[in-house]
Amino acid sequence: MGLFDIFKRKDKTEPKSQVAEESTNAVPLSAASEVSASAEKVASAQPQSAATTQAENVSEAETSATAQSEPQSQTQIAKPDVVEEQTSAPTSEASSAANSVAEPDGNGEESKQPDTSSQAPAENSTENKYEQGLAKSRTGFGARLNALLANFRRVDEDFFDNLEEALIESDVGFEMAVSLSDQLREEVKLQNAKSQQEVTNVIIEKLVDIYEQQGKNEDNHIHLAATGPTVLLFVGVNGVGKTTTIGKMAAMYQRHGKKVLLAAADTFRAGATEQLQVWGKRDHVKVVTGPDQGDPAAVVFDAVKQAKDENYDVLFVDTAGRLQNKVNLMNELAKMKRIISREIETAPHEVLLVLDATTGQNALTQAKLFKESTDVTGIVLTKLDGTARGGIVLAIRNELHLPVKLVGLGEQVDDLQAFDASEFVYGLFKDLVKTND
């Protein structure tokens, strides 16, 4: 089965969207029969509206009971086969500094932090998170496609030119847009399409097929060390959400019983260390720090040594992101990687590039620069819920061949989700594809 088949599966398992137009909530057949019989008995003595009200009350009761029985979702996070038991959470010597946090400068990362004091499981399922998080992207893509097809008459060169323009504006990337246009020229289904909906289905099916082909053998998992500490190195420009992503991941890994350590290796940005300390305090995780304007590699060395000596499971390393000083930045990253590898031969186990989805094609440019200079193993795409540029995921796979491993679909800790290609595709195009199966 291909990725596009998710629309057929979802249509079969979610027929309630059509029923919702006729009734506020679906009622089980047995309950519906009882309501119908009751309504017939009451109809002779009561106005029709009263019988309807009674049926709606039964429907609401059924819906409420169903909602209470639905299981809550679990955070999707890579877990090793064996989870070590964690005793008391370590405390940071630098945690006291978290009470007086310096404000980041104009180029700093966002200072707003979600409240992580409540660690209850997310109420929404993974599917709903994707659907809600991609709502803006879905609406934007749909509007462009509808505008393209508003005056659709026939498939000709003007049609393909306009299609390429609409796709590029949707941030799927120039190469992806041209590739799709070229393949559609030979698509028999498109030549035989008689309606706007048939044209839409063919375009999206081909887009999904290309995306799926480009992702063959792609590894979206976060890899943990078989023994000893796992080192996850985070890179990316200032403001994309590296520190916030680390804080959320630290909280999630702690929930799974991991002993977590943070390294504040961004020693140059004002407020960077303090921001990570705030997350450390909230997550009850120790943070290894150094002096302002100090050597980031020294912080990394201390953190790796401590992770080994005190048997930590996971070490998260925050780094600087001054792209305007590209040479110095890349030299710093190379030095940190050498130190990590010297202390732990197989580390770093992941080099995760954090990108801000709201920047669209600029994110793609950043990814190309970091990929040229460091061995990026995967991408964390943040702020997808706040942008109409979700199509950037398609461009990343098509042009960079880097796996997206995590996506930010909201501000809460549980809104950082392991990337699921099927749910992403469905969340991006669900309102546009109509199947007859």
Protein backbone atom coordinates (compact mmCIF):
# COMPACT_ATOMS: atom_id res chain seq x y z
CA MET A 1 0.00 0.00 0.00
CA GLY A 2 1.20 3.49 -0.84
CA LEU A 3 0.92 6.68 1.16
CA PHE A 4 -2.05 7.86 -0.92
CA ASP A 5 -4.07 4.87 0.27
CA ILE A 6 -4.42 6.53 3.67
CA PHE A 7 -7.22 8.65 2.22
CA LYS A 8 -9.21 5.53 1.32
CA ARG A 9 -8.55 3.98 4.74
CA LYS A 10 -9.55 7.14 6.57
CA ASP A 11 -12.69 7.54 4.47
CA LYS A 12 -13.75 4.00 5.40
CA THR A 13 -13.05 4.42 9.10
CA GLU A 14 -14.38 7.95 9.41
CA PRO A 15 -17.84 8.02 7.82
CA LYS A 16 -19.04 10.27 10.61
CA SER A 17 -18.23 13.42 8.67
CA GLN A 18 -21.21 12.79 6.38
CA VAL A 19 -23.51 11.76 9.21
CA ALA A 20 -22.65 14.93 11.08
CA GLU A 21 -24.52 16.98 8.50
CA GLU A 22 -27.77 15.15 9.35
CA SER A 23 -27.35 14.80 13.11
CA THR A 24 -25.24 16.54 15.72
CA ASN A 25 -23.77 13.25 16.94
CA ALA A 26 -23.85 9.66 15.72
CA VAL A 27 -25.98 7.20 17.74
CA PRO A 28 -25.35 3.42 17.81
CA LEU A 29 -27.93 1.39 15.88
CA SER A 30 -29.47 -0.15 19.00
CA ALA A 31 -29.80 3.23 20.64
CA ALA A 32 -31.15 4.74 17.44
CA SER A 33 -33.86 2.10 17.30
CA GLU A 34 -34.87 2.79 20.87
CA VAL A 35 -34.95 6.49 20.22
CA SER A 36 -37.04 5.97 17.08
CA ALA A 37 -39.57 3.80 18.92
CA SER A 38 -39.71 6.23 21.78
CA ALA A 39 -40.21 9.11 19.40
CA GLU A 40 -43.12 7.34 17.69
CA LYS A 41 -44.88 6.75 21.02
CA VAL A 42 -44.39 10.29 22.11
CA ALA A 43 -45.28 11.82 18.76
CA SER A 44 -49.01 11.37 19.33
CA ALA A 45 -48.92 13.16 22.69
CA GLN A 46 -46.10 15.65 22.11
CA PRO A 47 -45.14 18.04 19.32
CA GLN A 48 -42.54 16.77 16.89
CA SER A 49 -39.92 19.14 18.29
CA ALA A 50 -40.21 17.54 21.75
CA ALA A 51 -39.53 14.08 20.32
CA THR A 52 -36.55 15.47 18.45
CA THR A 53 -35.23 17.00 21.65
CA GLN A 54 -35.52 13.65 23.42
CA ALA A 55 -33.60 11.93 20.64
CA GLU A 56 -30.88 14.57 20.77
CA ASN A 57 -30.56 14.11 24.55
CA VAL A 58 -30.01 10.37 24.06
CA SER A 59 -27.49 11.15 21.32
CA GLU A 60 -25.59 13.53 23.57
CA ALA A 61 -25.49 10.93 26.35
CA GLU A 62 -24.14 8.30 23.96
CA THR A 63 -21.52 10.75 22.66
CA SER A 64 -20.44 11.65 26.19
CA ALA A 65 -20.07 7.99 27.14
CA THR A 66 -18.07 7.32 24.00
CA ALA A 67 -15.76 10.28 24.62
CA GLN A 68 -15.01 9.06 28.13
CA SER A 69 -14.07 5.60 26.86
CA GLU A 70 -11.61 6.83 24.24
CA PRO A 71 -8.01 6.09 25.23
CA GLN A 72 -5.60 8.96 25.50
CA SER A 73 -2.64 9.09 23.15
CA GLN A 74 0.90 8.51 24.16
CA THR A 75 3.76 10.74 23.14
CA GLN A 76 5.59 9.26 20.15
CA ILE A 77 9.24 8.99 21.04
CA ALA A 78 11.97 6.56 20.17
CA LYS A 79 12.52 4.19 23.07
CA PRO A 80 15.19 1.52 23.54
CA ASP A 81 14.22 -2.04 24.35
CA VAL A 82 15.41 -1.73 27.92
CA VAL A 83 14.44 1.24 30.07
CA GLU A 84 16.65 1.76 33.09
CA GLU A 85 14.97 2.66 36.36
CA GLN A 86 15.65 6.24 37.37
CA THR A 87 15.80 7.18 41.01
CA SER A 88 15.74 10.77 42.11
CA ALA A 89 16.21 13.49 39.45
CA PRO A 90 19.56 15.28 39.67
CA THR A 91 19.59 18.89 40.72
CA SER A 92 21.62 21.57 38.96
CA GLU A 93 24.10 23.79 40.79
CA ALA A 94 23.15 26.46 38.31
CA SER A 95 19.39 26.10 38.84
CA SER A 96 19.33 29.02 41.26
CA ALA A 97 20.26 31.29 38.37
CA ALA A 98 17.04 30.31 36.61
CA ASN A 99 15.06 32.57 38.94
CA SER A 100 16.56 35.66 37.29
CA VAL A 101 16.50 34.94 33.56
CA ALA A 102 18.18 37.40 31.23
CA GLU A 103 16.07 38.39 28.22
CA PRO A 104 17.47 37.13 24.89
CA ASP A 105 18.54 39.76 22.39
CA GLY A 106 16.76 40.48 19.12
CA ASN A 107 18.43 37.55 17.42
CA GLY A 108 17.85 35.17 20.29
CA GLU A 109 15.48 32.25 20.42
CA GLU A 110 11.93 32.70 21.58
CA SER A 111 11.69 33.33 25.30
CA LYS A 112 8.10 32.11 25.69
CA GLN A 113 8.04 28.71 27.30
CA PRO A 114 5.08 26.35 27.54
CA ASP A 115 4.03 25.25 31.00
CA THR A 116 5.45 21.78 31.56
CA SER A 117 4.39 21.47 35.17
CA SER A 118 1.50 19.24 34.16
CA GLN A 119 2.85 16.07 32.61
CA ALA A 120 -0.52 14.46 31.79
CA PRO A 121 -0.78 12.59 28.47
CA ALA A 122 -2.10 14.58 25.53
CA GLU A 123 -5.87 14.56 25.12
CA ASN A 124 -5.77 14.52 21.34
CA SER A 125 -4.68 11.54 19.32
CA THR A 126 -1.65 11.71 17.05
CA GLU A 127 -3.94 11.95 14.03
CA ASN A 128 -5.78 14.93 15.47
CA LYS A 129 -2.51 16.65 16.32
CA TYR A 130 -1.41 16.41 12.71
CA GLU A 131 -4.78 17.53 11.38
CA GLN A 132 -4.92 20.50 13.73
CA GLY A 133 -1.24 21.39 13.42
CA LEU A 134 -1.40 21.42 9.62
CA ALA A 135 -4.69 23.31 9.38
CA LYS A 136 -3.08 26.55 8.12
CA SER A 137 -0.95 24.73 5.55
CA ARG A 138 -3.95 22.71 4.38
CA THR A 139 -6.08 25.85 4.01
CA GLY A 140 -3.35 27.71 2.14
CA PHE A 141 -2.62 24.86 -0.25
CA GLY A 142 -6.32 24.31 -0.86
CA ALA A 143 -6.91 27.98 -1.63
CA ARG A 144 -4.13 28.02 -4.23
CA LEU A 145 -5.35 24.80 -5.83
CA ASN A 146 -8.94 26.03 -5.90
CA ALA A 147 -7.82 29.28 -7.51
CA LEU A 148 -5.93 27.29 -10.14
CA LEU A 149 -8.98 25.16 -10.95
CA ALA A 150 -11.59 27.89 -10.66
CA ASN A 151 -11.55 28.49 -14.41
CA PHE A 152 -10.40 25.01 -15.40
CA ARG A 153 -11.34 24.10 -18.96
CA ARG A 154 -8.67 21.74 -20.23
CA VAL A 155 -5.15 20.47 -19.53
CA ASP A 156 -2.71 22.52 -21.59
CA GLU A 157 0.62 24.30 -21.16
CA ASP A 158 -1.01 27.24 -19.41
CA PHE A 159 -2.46 24.81 -16.90
CA PHE A 160 0.96 23.32 -16.12
CA ASP A 161 2.59 26.75 -15.85
CA ASN A 162 -0.05 27.88 -13.38
CA LEU A 163 0.26 24.60 -11.46
CA GLU A 164 4.03 25.05 -11.05
CA GLU A 165 3.49 28.59 -9.80
CA ALA A 166 0.88 27.44 -7.26
CA LEU A 167 3.16 24.66 -5.97
CA ILE A 168 6.17 26.97 -5.60
CA GLU A 169 4.02 29.45 -3.66
CA SER A 170 3.05 26.54 -1.40
CA ASP A 171 6.75 26.00 -0.55
CA VAL A 172 6.97 22.50 -2.00
CA GLY A 173 10.13 23.67 -3.78
CA PHE A 174 11.05 24.49 -7.37
CA GLU A 175 12.50 21.05 -8.15
CA MET A 176 9.44 19.28 -6.75
CA ALA A 177 7.07 21.57 -8.69
CA VAL A 178 8.87 21.00 -12.00
CA SER A 179 9.16 17.25 -11.42
CA LEU A 180 5.44 16.99 -10.66
CA SER A 181 4.51 19.04 -13.71
CA ASP A 182 6.70 16.93 -15.99
CA GLN A 183 5.26 13.65 -14.70
CA LEU A 184 1.69 14.88 -14.94
CA ARG A 185 2.16 15.66 -18.62
CA GLU A 186 2.33 11.90 -19.20
CA GLU A 187 -0.40 11.02 -16.72
CA VAL A 188 -3.34 9.35 -18.46
CA LYS A 189 -5.63 9.92 -15.49
CA LEU A 190 -5.16 13.67 -15.84
CA GLN A 191 -5.89 13.61 -19.55
CA ASN A 192 -9.15 11.78 -18.85
CA ALA A 193 -10.20 13.97 -15.90
CA LYS A 194 -13.60 15.53 -16.44
CA SER A 195 -14.13 17.51 -13.23
CA GLN A 196 -12.18 19.77 -10.88
CA GLN A 197 -12.27 17.08 -8.18
CA GLU A 198 -10.81 14.45 -10.51
CA VAL A 199 -8.02 16.86 -11.46
CA THR A 200 -7.35 17.63 -7.79
CA ASN A 201 -7.17 13.94 -6.90
CA VAL A 202 -4.72 13.21 -9.71
CA ILE A 203 -2.44 16.14 -8.78
CA ILE A 204 -2.30 15.22 -5.09
CA GLU A 205 -1.90 11.49 -5.77
CA LYS A 206 1.08 12.17 -8.02
CA LEU A 207 2.55 14.63 -5.48
CA VAL A 208 2.27 12.02 -2.74
CA ASP A 209 3.76 9.32 -4.99
CA ILE A 210 6.81 11.48 -5.72
CA TYR A 211 7.21 12.24 -2.02
CA GLU A 212 6.98 8.54 -1.20
CA GLN A 213 9.51 7.53 -3.86
CA GLN A 214 12.03 10.09 -2.60
CA GLY A 215 11.71 8.69 0.92
CA LYS A 216 12.49 5.05 0.25
CA ASN A 217 14.76 3.57 2.95
CA GLU A 218 14.49 6.81 4.93
CA ASP A 219 15.19 6.39 8.65
CA ASN A 220 13.01 8.65 10.81
CA HIS A 221 13.96 7.15 14.17
CA ILE A 222 16.06 8.74 16.91
CA HIS A 223 18.94 6.33 17.53
CA LEU A 224 20.08 5.64 21.08
CA ALA A 225 23.33 4.09 22.17
CA ALA A 226 23.30 0.37 22.94
CA THR A 227 25.43 1.03 26.03
CA GLY A 228 26.54 4.16 27.80
CA PRO A 229 25.26 7.70 27.25
CA THR A 230 23.49 8.73 24.05
CA VAL A 231 24.67 12.14 22.79
CA LEU A 232 22.23 14.23 20.74
CA LEU A 233 23.80 17.34 19.18
CA PHE A 234 21.42 20.12 18.11
CA VAL A 235 22.39 22.64 15.43
CA GLY A 236 20.57 25.47 13.66
CA VAL A 237 20.43 29.26 13.43
CA ASN A 238 19.27 31.48 16.27
CA GLY A 239 15.54 31.72 16.78
CA VAL A 240 14.44 28.40 15.27
CA GLY A 241 13.64 26.77 18.60
CA LYS A 242 16.69 24.61 19.44
CA THR A 243 16.57 25.29 23.18
CA THR A 244 12.80 24.83 23.37
CA THR A 245 13.04 21.56 21.42
CA ILE A 246 15.72 20.29 23.81
CA GLY A 247 13.55 21.20 26.80
CA LYS A 248 10.54 19.35 25.40
CA MET A 249 12.57 16.28 24.44
CA ALA A 250 14.22 16.20 27.87
CA ALA A 251 10.78 16.17 29.50
CA MET A 252 9.58 13.35 27.23
CA TYR A 253 12.64 11.17 27.74
CA GLN A 254 12.37 11.65 31.49
CA ARG A 255 8.81 10.36 31.36
CA HIS A 256 10.20 7.19 29.80
CA GLY A 257 12.56 6.69 32.72
CA LYS A 258 15.72 8.12 31.21
CA LYS A 259 18.35 9.96 33.21
CA VAL A 260 18.86 13.16 31.23
CA LEU A 261 21.65 15.77 31.18
CA LEU A 262 21.70 19.09 29.30
CA ALA A 263 24.77 20.98 28.03
CA ALA A 264 24.49 24.75 27.47
CA ALA A 265 27.12 25.07 24.74
CA ASP A 266 25.62 28.28 23.28
CA THR A 267 27.84 30.55 25.35
CA PHE A 268 27.63 33.61 23.09
CA ARG A 269 23.93 34.46 22.79
CA ALA A 270 22.58 36.60 25.61
CA GLY A 271 20.19 34.59 27.76
CA ALA A 272 20.85 31.26 26.04
CA THR A 273 22.28 29.53 29.12
CA GLU A 274 19.59 30.95 31.39
CA GLN A 275 16.84 29.80 29.01
CA LEU A 276 18.15 26.23 29.10
CA GLN A 277 18.41 26.46 32.89
CA VAL A 278 14.72 27.38 33.05
CA TRP A 279 13.90 24.19 31.16
CA GLY A 280 16.28 22.24 33.41
CA LYS A 281 14.52 23.54 36.49
CA ARG A 282 11.07 22.68 35.11
CA ASP A 283 12.16 19.21 33.97
CA HIS A 284 14.25 18.62 37.13
CA VAL A 285 17.26 18.01 34.91
CA LYS A 286 20.84 19.07 35.56
CA VAL A 287 22.40 21.61 33.17
CA VAL A 288 26.16 21.82 32.55
CA THR A 289 27.15 25.44 31.93
CA GLY A 290 30.24 27.56 31.27
CA PRO A 291 31.13 31.25 31.49
CA ASP A 292 29.54 33.73 29.09
CA GLN A 293 31.62 34.12 25.93
CA GLY A 294 33.55 31.02 27.01
CA ASP A 295 34.71 28.08 24.90
CA PRO A 296 31.66 25.94 23.93
CA ALA A 297 33.89 22.91 23.44
CA ALA A 298 34.93 23.10 27.10
CA VAL A 299 31.26 22.91 28.15
CA VAL A 300 30.77 19.90 25.89
CA PHE A 301 33.85 18.17 27.34
CA ASP A 302 32.61 18.68 30.91
CA ALA A 303 29.13 17.46 29.99
CA VAL A 304 30.33 14.29 28.23
CA LYS A 305 32.67 13.47 31.10
CA GLN A 306 29.86 13.93 33.62
CA ALA A 307 27.45 11.87 31.52
CA LYS A 308 29.93 8.98 31.52
CA ASP A 309 30.98 9.24 35.16
CA GLU A 310 27.43 9.55 36.53
CA ASN A 311 25.78 7.04 34.20
CA TYR A 312 23.40 9.36 32.37
CA ASP A 313 21.27 7.86 29.61
CA VAL A 314 20.91 10.85 27.29
CA LEU A 315 22.95 14.05 26.87
CA PHE A 316 21.36 16.92 24.91
CA VAL A 317 23.83 19.49 23.60
CA ASP A 318 22.59 23.00 22.74
CA THR A 319 24.83 24.96 20.34
CA ALA A 320 25.21 28.47 18.94
CA GLY A 321 23.60 29.51 15.67
CA ARG A 322 25.32 32.61 14.34
CA LEU A 323 25.02 31.97 10.62
CA GLN A 324 26.52 35.38 9.82
CA ASN A 325 29.77 33.99 11.25
CA LYS A 326 29.49 30.79 9.25
CA VAL A 327 33.18 29.85 9.25
CA ASN A 328 33.62 30.30 12.99
CA LEU A 329 30.33 28.55 13.74
CA MET A 330 31.17 25.51 11.65
CA ASN A 331 34.65 25.35 13.16
CA GLU A 332 33.09 25.35 16.64
CA LEU A 333 30.70 22.55 15.68
CA ALA A 334 33.55 20.50 14.20
CA LYS A 335 35.60 20.95 17.37
CA MET A 336 32.68 19.88 19.58
CA LYS A 337 32.10 16.78 17.46
CA ARG A 338 35.78 15.81 17.71
CA ILE A 339 35.67 16.06 21.49
CA ILE A 340 32.46 14.05 21.73
CA SER A 341 33.82 11.33 19.43
CA ARG A 342 37.09 11.19 21.34
CA GLU A 343 35.28 10.57 24.63
CA ILE A 344 32.54 8.29 23.24
CA GLU A 345 33.62 6.55 20.06
CA THR A 346 30.17 6.17 18.47
CA ALA A 347 28.94 9.64 19.45
CA PRO A 348 27.29 11.92 18.60
CA HIS A 349 24.55 9.44 17.86
CA GLU A 350 22.39 12.09 16.21
CA VAL A 351 23.12 15.54 14.78
CA LEU A 352 19.69 17.13 14.58
CA LEU A 353 19.19 20.28 12.51
CA VAL A 354 16.34 22.40 13.91
CA LEU A 355 14.43 24.41 11.30
CA ASP A 356 11.61 26.93 11.70
CA ALA A 357 8.77 25.96 9.34
CA THR A 358 7.46 29.55 9.26
CA THR A 359 10.52 30.64 7.27
CA GLY A 360 9.60 28.47 4.27
CA GLN A 361 12.28 28.38 1.60
CA ASN A 362 14.75 30.14 3.95
CA ALA A 363 14.67 26.98 6.06
CA LEU A 364 15.67 25.00 2.98
CA THR A 365 18.60 27.35 2.39
CA GLN A 366 19.73 26.97 6.01
CA ALA A 367 19.52 23.19 5.73
CA LYS A 368 21.73 23.20 2.64
CA LEU A 369 24.39 25.30 4.42
CA PHE A 370 24.47 23.07 7.50
CA LYS A 371 24.44 19.90 5.43
CA GLU A 372 27.52 21.12 3.55
CA SER A 373 29.41 21.81 6.78
CA THR A 374 28.35 19.13 9.24
CA ASP A 375 27.06 15.57 9.21
CA VAL A 376 23.37 16.21 9.83
CA THR A 377 21.47 12.97 10.50
CA GLY A 378 17.94 14.37 10.69
CA ILE A 379 15.70 17.41 10.94
CA VAL A 380 13.42 18.75 13.65
CA LEU A 381 10.81 21.01 12.03
CA THR A 382 9.29 23.42 14.55
CA LYS A 383 6.23 25.73 14.52
CA LEU A 384 4.32 23.84 11.82
CA ASP A 385 1.08 24.82 13.52
CA GLY A 386 1.83 28.52 13.06
CA THR A 387 2.43 28.59 9.32
CA ALA A 388 0.83 27.86 5.96
CA ARG A 389 4.19 26.60 4.68
CA GLY A 390 3.95 22.95 5.66
CA GLY A 391 4.82 22.02 2.08
CA ILE A 392 8.46 22.62 3.05
CA VAL A 393 8.53 19.01 4.29
CA LEU A 394 8.09 17.85 0.69
CA ALA A 395 10.94 20.08 -0.49
CA ILE A 396 13.28 18.92 2.29
CA ARG A 397 12.91 15.28 1.27
CA ASN A 398 13.07 15.96 -2.47
CA GLU A 399 16.06 18.32 -2.48
CA LEU A 400 18.06 17.37 0.63
CA HIS A 401 17.19 13.70 1.18
CA LEU A 402 17.34 14.30 4.93
CA PRO A 403 14.76 12.58 7.14
CA VAL A 404 12.42 14.75 9.19
CA LYS A 405 12.50 13.03 12.59
CA LEU A 406 10.40 15.32 14.78
CA VAL A 407 7.78 17.99 14.11
CA GLY A 408 6.40 20.74 16.33
CA LEU A 409 2.60 20.84 16.06
CA GLY A 410 1.89 23.18 18.98
CA GLU A 411 3.33 24.83 22.08
CA GLN A 412 2.84 22.03 24.60
CA VAL A 413 5.45 19.37 25.35
CA ASP A 414 3.27 16.63 23.83
CA ASP A 415 2.90 18.64 20.62
CA LEU A 416 6.47 17.70 19.67
CA GLN A 417 5.75 14.50 17.75
CA ALA A 418 7.77 11.79 16.03
CA PHE A 419 7.33 12.36 12.30
CA ASP A 420 4.73 10.14 10.64
CA ALA A 421 4.68 10.47 6.84
CA SER A 422 1.18 9.01 6.47
CA GLU A 423 -0.38 11.31 9.05
CA PHE A 424 1.50 14.28 7.59
CA VAL A 425 0.19 13.58 4.09
CA TYR A 426 -3.35 13.11 5.37
CA GLY A 427 -3.18 16.22 7.56
CA LEU A 428 -1.93 18.33 4.65
CA PHE A 429 -4.42 17.18 2.01
CA LYS A 430 -7.41 15.64 3.85
CA ASP A 431 -9.99 18.26 2.82
CA LEU A 432 -8.92 18.22 -0.82
CA VAL A 433 -9.02 14.52 -1.75
CA LYS A 434 -12.37 12.79 -2.27
CA THR A 435 -12.41 9.03 -2.82
CA ASN A 436 -15.30 6.97 -4.12
CA ASP A 437 -14.25 3.73 -2.45
